N, C-alpha and C. Protein backbone atom coordinates (compact mmCIF):
# COMPACT_ATOMS: atom_id res chain seq x y z
N UNK A 1 11.93 43.75 -47.06
CA UNK A 1 12.65 43.15 -45.97
C UNK A 1 12.14 43.63 -44.63
N UNK A 2 11.84 44.90 -44.55
CA UNK A 2 11.29 45.46 -43.32
C UNK A 2 9.92 44.84 -43.05
N UNK A 3 9.16 44.62 -44.12
CA UNK A 3 7.84 44.02 -43.99
C UNK A 3 7.94 42.62 -43.39
N UNK A 4 8.89 41.82 -43.83
CA UNK A 4 9.07 40.46 -43.33
C UNK A 4 9.44 40.47 -41.86
N UNK A 5 10.22 41.41 -41.43
CA UNK A 5 10.62 41.50 -40.03
C UNK A 5 9.42 41.85 -39.16
N UNK A 6 8.56 42.74 -39.63
CA UNK A 6 7.37 43.11 -38.86
C UNK A 6 6.42 41.93 -38.73
N UNK A 7 6.27 41.15 -39.81
CA UNK A 7 5.39 39.98 -39.77
C UNK A 7 5.92 38.92 -38.82
N UNK A 8 7.23 38.69 -38.86
CA UNK A 8 7.80 37.68 -37.95
C UNK A 8 7.71 38.13 -36.51
N UNK A 9 7.87 39.42 -36.28
CA UNK A 9 7.73 39.96 -34.91
C UNK A 9 6.28 39.84 -34.45
N UNK A 10 5.35 40.07 -35.34
CA UNK A 10 3.94 39.97 -34.99
C UNK A 10 3.58 38.53 -34.65
N UNK A 11 4.14 37.57 -35.41
CA UNK A 11 3.90 36.16 -35.11
C UNK A 11 4.50 35.78 -33.76
N UNK A 12 5.67 36.30 -33.45
CA UNK A 12 6.32 36.02 -32.16
C UNK A 12 5.50 36.58 -31.02
N UNK A 13 4.96 37.79 -31.20
CA UNK A 13 4.14 38.40 -30.15
C UNK A 13 2.87 37.60 -29.95
N UNK A 14 2.24 37.16 -31.04
CA UNK A 14 1.02 36.35 -30.93
C UNK A 14 1.32 35.05 -30.20
N UNK A 15 2.45 34.43 -30.51
CA UNK A 15 2.82 33.18 -29.85
C UNK A 15 3.06 33.41 -28.36
N UNK A 16 3.76 34.49 -28.03
CA UNK A 16 4.04 34.79 -26.63
C UNK A 16 2.75 35.08 -25.86
N UNK A 17 1.79 35.72 -26.50
CA UNK A 17 0.51 35.99 -25.84
C UNK A 17 -0.32 34.73 -25.69
N UNK A 18 -0.16 33.82 -26.61
CA UNK A 18 -0.95 32.59 -26.63
C UNK A 18 -0.47 31.57 -25.61
N UNK A 19 0.84 31.43 -25.42
CA UNK A 19 1.38 30.38 -24.55
C UNK A 19 0.94 30.49 -23.10
N UNK A 20 1.03 31.63 -22.45
CA UNK A 20 0.60 31.69 -21.05
C UNK A 20 -0.88 31.33 -20.87
N UNK A 21 -1.71 31.78 -21.80
CA UNK A 21 -3.13 31.46 -21.71
C UNK A 21 -3.36 29.97 -21.89
N UNK A 22 -2.62 29.35 -22.81
CA UNK A 22 -2.73 27.90 -23.01
C UNK A 22 -2.30 27.15 -21.76
N UNK A 23 -1.18 27.55 -21.18
CA UNK A 23 -0.69 26.87 -19.98
C UNK A 23 -1.67 27.03 -18.82
N UNK A 24 -2.25 28.21 -18.69
CA UNK A 24 -3.23 28.44 -17.62
C UNK A 24 -4.47 27.56 -17.85
N UNK A 25 -4.95 27.51 -19.08
CA UNK A 25 -6.10 26.65 -19.39
C UNK A 25 -5.76 25.18 -19.15
N UNK A 26 -4.54 24.79 -19.50
CA UNK A 26 -4.11 23.40 -19.28
C UNK A 26 -4.10 23.07 -17.79
N UNK A 27 -3.61 23.97 -16.97
CA UNK A 27 -3.62 23.75 -15.52
C UNK A 27 -5.04 23.61 -14.98
N UNK A 28 -5.92 24.48 -15.46
CA UNK A 28 -7.31 24.44 -14.99
C UNK A 28 -7.96 23.12 -15.38
N UNK A 29 -7.80 22.71 -16.63
CA UNK A 29 -8.42 21.47 -17.10
C UNK A 29 -7.81 20.24 -16.41
N UNK A 30 -6.51 20.28 -16.15
CA UNK A 30 -5.87 19.18 -15.42
C UNK A 30 -6.42 19.10 -14.02
N UNK A 31 -6.60 20.24 -13.38
CA UNK A 31 -7.17 20.27 -12.03
C UNK A 31 -8.59 19.72 -12.04
N UNK A 32 -9.39 20.13 -13.02
CA UNK A 32 -10.77 19.64 -13.12
C UNK A 32 -10.81 18.13 -13.32
N UNK A 33 -9.94 17.61 -14.18
CA UNK A 33 -9.96 16.18 -14.43
C UNK A 33 -9.47 15.39 -13.22
N UNK A 34 -8.51 15.93 -12.48
CA UNK A 34 -8.06 15.22 -11.27
C UNK A 34 -9.15 15.23 -10.21
N UNK A 35 -9.90 16.30 -10.10
CA UNK A 35 -11.01 16.34 -9.15
C UNK A 35 -12.11 15.37 -9.58
N UNK A 36 -12.37 15.29 -10.86
CA UNK A 36 -13.37 14.35 -11.37
C UNK A 36 -12.94 12.91 -11.10
N UNK A 37 -11.67 12.62 -11.32
CA UNK A 37 -11.15 11.28 -11.06
C UNK A 37 -11.24 10.93 -9.58
N UNK A 38 -10.89 11.86 -8.72
CA UNK A 38 -10.97 11.56 -7.28
C UNK A 38 -12.42 11.35 -6.84
N UNK A 39 -13.34 12.09 -7.43
CA UNK A 39 -14.76 11.88 -7.12
C UNK A 39 -15.20 10.47 -7.52
N UNK A 40 -14.77 10.03 -8.68
CA UNK A 40 -15.11 8.68 -9.13
C UNK A 40 -14.48 7.62 -8.23
N UNK A 41 -13.28 7.86 -7.75
CA UNK A 41 -12.64 6.91 -6.83
C UNK A 41 -13.42 6.83 -5.53
N UNK A 42 -13.87 7.97 -5.02
CA UNK A 42 -14.67 7.96 -3.79
C UNK A 42 -15.97 7.19 -3.99
N UNK A 43 -16.61 7.40 -5.12
CA UNK A 43 -17.85 6.67 -5.41
C UNK A 43 -17.59 5.17 -5.48
N UNK A 44 -16.50 4.81 -6.14
CA UNK A 44 -16.14 3.40 -6.29
C UNK A 44 -15.90 2.75 -4.93
N UNK A 45 -15.12 3.40 -4.08
CA UNK A 45 -14.82 2.83 -2.77
C UNK A 45 -16.07 2.76 -1.89
N UNK A 46 -16.92 3.76 -1.99
CA UNK A 46 -18.17 3.74 -1.23
C UNK A 46 -19.06 2.61 -1.71
N UNK A 47 -19.13 2.43 -3.01
CA UNK A 47 -19.94 1.35 -3.57
C UNK A 47 -19.39 -0.01 -3.16
N UNK A 48 -18.08 -0.19 -3.22
CA UNK A 48 -17.49 -1.47 -2.83
C UNK A 48 -17.78 -1.81 -1.38
N UNK A 49 -17.37 -0.93 -0.49
CA UNK A 49 -17.51 -1.22 0.94
C UNK A 49 -18.97 -1.19 1.39
N UNK A 50 -19.72 -0.20 0.95
CA UNK A 50 -21.13 -0.12 1.33
C UNK A 50 -21.94 -1.26 0.76
N UNK A 51 -21.66 -1.62 -0.49
CA UNK A 51 -22.37 -2.74 -1.11
C UNK A 51 -22.05 -4.05 -0.42
N UNK A 52 -20.80 -4.20 0.01
CA UNK A 52 -20.42 -5.43 0.71
C UNK A 52 -21.14 -5.53 2.06
N UNK A 53 -21.20 -4.42 2.79
CA UNK A 53 -21.92 -4.43 4.08
C UNK A 53 -23.39 -4.72 3.85
N UNK A 54 -24.01 -4.01 2.91
CA UNK A 54 -25.43 -4.22 2.64
C UNK A 54 -25.71 -5.64 2.18
N UNK A 55 -24.85 -6.15 1.30
CA UNK A 55 -25.05 -7.51 0.81
C UNK A 55 -24.92 -8.55 1.90
N UNK A 56 -23.92 -8.38 2.76
CA UNK A 56 -23.74 -9.36 3.83
C UNK A 56 -24.87 -9.30 4.86
N UNK A 57 -25.31 -8.09 5.16
CA UNK A 57 -26.38 -7.97 6.16
C UNK A 57 -27.72 -8.44 5.60
N UNK A 58 -27.95 -8.26 4.31
CA UNK A 58 -29.22 -8.73 3.74
C UNK A 58 -29.28 -10.24 3.66
N UNK A 59 -28.19 -10.86 3.42
CA UNK A 59 -28.18 -12.33 3.30
C UNK A 59 -27.58 -12.99 4.54
N UNK A 60 -27.76 -12.34 5.67
CA UNK A 60 -27.15 -12.84 6.91
C UNK A 60 -27.64 -14.24 7.27
N UNK A 61 -28.92 -14.53 7.06
CA UNK A 61 -29.44 -15.85 7.41
C UNK A 61 -28.78 -16.95 6.57
N UNK A 62 -28.53 -16.67 5.29
CA UNK A 62 -27.87 -17.66 4.44
C UNK A 62 -26.37 -17.73 4.72
N UNK A 63 -25.78 -16.59 5.03
CA UNK A 63 -24.34 -16.58 5.33
C UNK A 63 -24.03 -17.31 6.63
N UNK A 64 -24.96 -17.25 7.57
CA UNK A 64 -24.72 -17.91 8.86
C UNK A 64 -24.58 -19.42 8.70
N UNK A 65 -25.11 -19.97 7.62
CA UNK A 65 -24.99 -21.41 7.38
C UNK A 65 -23.61 -21.80 6.87
N UNK A 66 -22.92 -20.87 6.18
CA UNK A 66 -21.63 -21.21 5.58
C UNK A 66 -20.44 -20.47 6.20
N UNK A 67 -20.72 -19.49 7.05
CA UNK A 67 -19.66 -18.73 7.71
C UNK A 67 -19.90 -18.72 9.22
N UNK A 68 -18.82 -18.70 9.96
CA UNK A 68 -18.98 -18.57 11.41
C UNK A 68 -19.34 -17.13 11.74
N UNK A 69 -19.90 -16.94 12.92
CA UNK A 69 -20.32 -15.60 13.35
C UNK A 69 -19.10 -14.67 13.44
N UNK A 70 -17.99 -15.20 13.91
CA UNK A 70 -16.76 -14.40 14.02
C UNK A 70 -16.29 -13.93 12.66
N UNK A 71 -16.35 -14.80 11.67
CA UNK A 71 -15.93 -14.43 10.32
C UNK A 71 -16.83 -13.34 9.76
N UNK A 72 -18.12 -13.46 9.98
CA UNK A 72 -19.06 -12.44 9.50
C UNK A 72 -18.78 -11.11 10.18
N UNK A 73 -18.57 -11.14 11.49
CA UNK A 73 -18.30 -9.90 12.24
C UNK A 73 -17.03 -9.23 11.75
N UNK A 74 -15.98 -10.00 11.57
CA UNK A 74 -14.71 -9.42 11.13
C UNK A 74 -14.84 -8.86 9.72
N UNK A 75 -15.49 -9.58 8.84
CA UNK A 75 -15.66 -9.11 7.46
C UNK A 75 -16.48 -7.83 7.40
N UNK A 76 -17.61 -7.83 8.07
CA UNK A 76 -18.47 -6.64 8.08
C UNK A 76 -17.72 -5.48 8.75
N UNK A 77 -16.98 -5.77 9.81
CA UNK A 77 -16.18 -4.73 10.46
C UNK A 77 -15.15 -4.12 9.52
N UNK A 78 -14.51 -4.97 8.73
CA UNK A 78 -13.53 -4.47 7.75
C UNK A 78 -14.21 -3.59 6.70
N UNK A 79 -15.37 -4.00 6.23
CA UNK A 79 -16.08 -3.20 5.22
C UNK A 79 -16.51 -1.85 5.81
N UNK A 80 -17.01 -1.87 7.04
CA UNK A 80 -17.43 -0.62 7.69
C UNK A 80 -16.22 0.29 7.92
N UNK A 81 -15.12 -0.30 8.37
CA UNK A 81 -13.91 0.50 8.58
C UNK A 81 -13.41 1.07 7.25
N UNK A 82 -13.57 0.32 6.17
CA UNK A 82 -13.24 0.84 4.84
C UNK A 82 -14.09 2.03 4.47
N UNK A 83 -15.38 2.00 4.83
CA UNK A 83 -16.26 3.14 4.59
C UNK A 83 -15.82 4.36 5.40
N UNK A 84 -15.44 4.11 6.66
CA UNK A 84 -14.98 5.21 7.51
C UNK A 84 -13.71 5.84 6.93
N UNK A 85 -12.77 5.00 6.49
CA UNK A 85 -11.55 5.52 5.89
C UNK A 85 -11.84 6.30 4.62
N UNK A 86 -12.81 5.85 3.85
CA UNK A 86 -13.22 6.59 2.65
C UNK A 86 -13.76 7.97 3.03
N UNK A 87 -14.52 8.02 4.11
CA UNK A 87 -15.01 9.31 4.60
C UNK A 87 -13.87 10.23 5.02
N UNK A 88 -12.87 9.68 5.70
CA UNK A 88 -11.69 10.46 6.07
C UNK A 88 -10.98 10.99 4.82
N UNK A 89 -10.91 10.17 3.79
CA UNK A 89 -10.26 10.58 2.54
C UNK A 89 -11.02 11.74 1.90
N UNK A 90 -12.34 11.67 1.94
CA UNK A 90 -13.15 12.76 1.37
C UNK A 90 -12.90 14.05 2.13
N UNK A 91 -12.88 13.98 3.46
CA UNK A 91 -12.63 15.18 4.26
C UNK A 91 -11.21 15.71 4.04
N UNK A 92 -10.23 14.83 3.93
CA UNK A 92 -8.85 15.28 3.68
C UNK A 92 -8.76 16.00 2.34
N UNK A 93 -9.42 15.46 1.32
CA UNK A 93 -9.39 16.12 0.02
C UNK A 93 -10.16 17.44 0.07
N UNK A 94 -11.26 17.47 0.79
CA UNK A 94 -12.03 18.72 0.93
C UNK A 94 -11.17 19.80 1.58
N UNK A 95 -10.50 19.46 2.68
CA UNK A 95 -9.66 20.44 3.36
C UNK A 95 -8.47 20.84 2.49
N UNK A 96 -7.96 19.92 1.72
CA UNK A 96 -6.87 20.24 0.80
C UNK A 96 -7.33 21.28 -0.22
N UNK A 97 -8.52 21.09 -0.76
CA UNK A 97 -9.03 22.05 -1.74
C UNK A 97 -9.38 23.38 -1.08
N UNK A 98 -9.78 23.35 0.19
CA UNK A 98 -10.03 24.58 0.92
C UNK A 98 -8.73 25.36 1.09
N UNK A 99 -7.64 24.65 1.38
CA UNK A 99 -6.33 25.30 1.49
C UNK A 99 -5.94 25.90 0.15
N UNK A 100 -6.15 25.16 -0.93
CA UNK A 100 -5.80 25.67 -2.26
C UNK A 100 -6.61 26.93 -2.56
N UNK A 101 -7.90 26.89 -2.27
CA UNK A 101 -8.76 28.04 -2.58
C UNK A 101 -8.41 29.24 -1.70
N UNK A 102 -8.23 29.01 -0.41
CA UNK A 102 -7.97 30.14 0.48
C UNK A 102 -6.60 30.75 0.24
N UNK A 103 -5.65 29.96 -0.22
CA UNK A 103 -4.31 30.47 -0.48
C UNK A 103 -4.11 30.91 -1.93
N UNK A 104 -5.14 30.78 -2.76
CA UNK A 104 -4.96 31.11 -4.18
C UNK A 104 -4.71 32.59 -4.39
N UNK A 105 -5.22 33.42 -3.49
CA UNK A 105 -5.01 34.86 -3.63
C UNK A 105 -3.68 35.29 -3.02
N UNK A 106 -3.14 34.47 -2.15
CA UNK A 106 -1.86 34.79 -1.52
C UNK A 106 -0.85 33.71 -1.88
N UNK A 107 0.15 33.58 -1.07
CA UNK A 107 1.18 32.57 -1.33
C UNK A 107 0.63 31.18 -1.00
N UNK A 108 0.63 30.24 -1.96
CA UNK A 108 0.12 28.89 -1.70
C UNK A 108 1.00 28.14 -0.69
N UNK A 109 0.34 27.38 0.16
CA UNK A 109 1.04 26.57 1.16
C UNK A 109 1.14 25.15 0.61
N UNK A 110 2.16 24.89 -0.20
CA UNK A 110 2.31 23.60 -0.86
C UNK A 110 2.50 22.47 0.13
N UNK A 111 3.18 22.72 1.26
CA UNK A 111 3.46 21.65 2.21
C UNK A 111 2.16 21.12 2.82
N UNK A 112 1.28 22.02 3.24
CA UNK A 112 0.00 21.60 3.81
C UNK A 112 -0.85 20.90 2.76
N UNK A 113 -0.90 21.48 1.57
CA UNK A 113 -1.71 20.90 0.49
C UNK A 113 -1.21 19.50 0.14
N UNK A 114 0.09 19.35 -0.02
CA UNK A 114 0.65 18.04 -0.38
C UNK A 114 0.43 17.03 0.74
N UNK A 115 0.53 17.48 1.99
CA UNK A 115 0.29 16.58 3.12
C UNK A 115 -1.14 16.07 3.14
N UNK A 116 -2.09 16.96 2.87
CA UNK A 116 -3.49 16.55 2.84
C UNK A 116 -3.78 15.63 1.65
N UNK A 117 -3.15 15.89 0.51
CA UNK A 117 -3.29 14.98 -0.63
C UNK A 117 -2.74 13.60 -0.27
N UNK A 118 -1.60 13.58 0.41
CA UNK A 118 -0.99 12.31 0.81
C UNK A 118 -1.94 11.54 1.74
N UNK A 119 -2.51 12.23 2.74
CA UNK A 119 -3.43 11.56 3.65
C UNK A 119 -4.66 11.05 2.92
N UNK A 120 -5.17 11.84 2.00
CA UNK A 120 -6.34 11.41 1.24
C UNK A 120 -6.03 10.15 0.44
N UNK A 121 -4.89 10.13 -0.23
CA UNK A 121 -4.51 8.95 -1.01
C UNK A 121 -4.27 7.75 -0.10
N UNK A 122 -3.65 7.98 1.05
CA UNK A 122 -3.39 6.88 1.99
C UNK A 122 -4.71 6.31 2.51
N UNK A 123 -5.66 7.19 2.84
CA UNK A 123 -6.97 6.71 3.31
C UNK A 123 -7.67 5.89 2.22
N UNK A 124 -7.55 6.33 0.98
CA UNK A 124 -8.18 5.58 -0.11
C UNK A 124 -7.54 4.21 -0.27
N UNK A 125 -6.23 4.15 -0.19
CA UNK A 125 -5.53 2.87 -0.32
C UNK A 125 -5.92 1.94 0.83
N UNK A 126 -5.97 2.48 2.04
CA UNK A 126 -6.35 1.64 3.18
C UNK A 126 -7.82 1.21 3.11
N UNK A 127 -8.67 2.09 2.57
CA UNK A 127 -10.08 1.71 2.39
C UNK A 127 -10.20 0.53 1.46
N UNK A 128 -9.49 0.58 0.34
CA UNK A 128 -9.51 -0.54 -0.60
C UNK A 128 -8.88 -1.78 0.02
N UNK A 129 -7.83 -1.59 0.81
CA UNK A 129 -7.17 -2.72 1.48
C UNK A 129 -8.10 -3.41 2.47
N UNK A 130 -8.86 -2.63 3.22
CA UNK A 130 -9.78 -3.24 4.17
C UNK A 130 -10.92 -3.96 3.46
N UNK A 131 -11.34 -3.44 2.30
CA UNK A 131 -12.33 -4.17 1.53
C UNK A 131 -11.76 -5.52 1.11
N UNK A 132 -10.55 -5.50 0.58
CA UNK A 132 -9.92 -6.75 0.13
C UNK A 132 -9.72 -7.71 1.31
N UNK A 133 -9.27 -7.17 2.43
CA UNK A 133 -9.05 -8.02 3.60
C UNK A 133 -10.36 -8.65 4.07
N UNK A 134 -11.43 -7.87 4.13
CA UNK A 134 -12.73 -8.40 4.55
C UNK A 134 -13.25 -9.45 3.59
N UNK A 135 -13.09 -9.21 2.30
CA UNK A 135 -13.56 -10.18 1.30
C UNK A 135 -12.75 -11.48 1.37
N UNK A 136 -11.44 -11.35 1.48
CA UNK A 136 -10.59 -12.54 1.56
C UNK A 136 -10.85 -13.31 2.85
N UNK A 137 -11.02 -12.57 3.94
CA UNK A 137 -11.30 -13.24 5.22
C UNK A 137 -12.61 -14.02 5.16
N UNK A 138 -13.62 -13.44 4.52
CA UNK A 138 -14.90 -14.15 4.38
C UNK A 138 -14.75 -15.36 3.48
N UNK A 139 -13.97 -15.24 2.42
CA UNK A 139 -13.81 -16.35 1.49
C UNK A 139 -13.03 -17.50 2.15
N UNK A 140 -11.99 -17.15 2.91
CA UNK A 140 -11.19 -18.18 3.58
C UNK A 140 -12.01 -18.87 4.67
N UNK A 141 -12.92 -18.12 5.29
CA UNK A 141 -13.72 -18.67 6.39
C UNK A 141 -14.89 -19.52 5.96
N UNK A 142 -15.10 -19.67 4.66
CA UNK A 142 -16.22 -20.50 4.18
C UNK A 142 -16.01 -21.96 4.60
N UNK A 143 -17.05 -22.54 5.11
CA UNK A 143 -17.00 -23.99 5.38
C UNK A 143 -18.22 -24.60 4.69
N UNK A 144 -17.93 -25.19 3.58
CA UNK A 144 -19.00 -25.76 2.74
C UNK A 144 -19.26 -27.21 3.06
């Protein structure tokens, strides 16, 4: 009976030692995957807006036949502004991670970190919105 109690206590100690390490590893892997996801989102938004600007400027002579100059200017302006907003989102996320890293040894400043995450997400949403607005504006302005 004493033997069974020692074994169950040993199992409990092993479990207690294992859980904090698992939770810490889970936090680290979750952080890594969220950073990877945000990197892919930045690439996607850069490709969308940058590709749209490059595509419109390369085929400008053909677009001028089916779109007015004002429509082309507004569309390209929206795509460029989407690129700028994407850049702001990258900087906001960079500064957010700088806050996380610099405060990791001391008390974390969750308010600043969450605010920068919010700005980064808002910039990404607006970047995608300006891409959509520019694309829709160009499509509506077609005169075939």
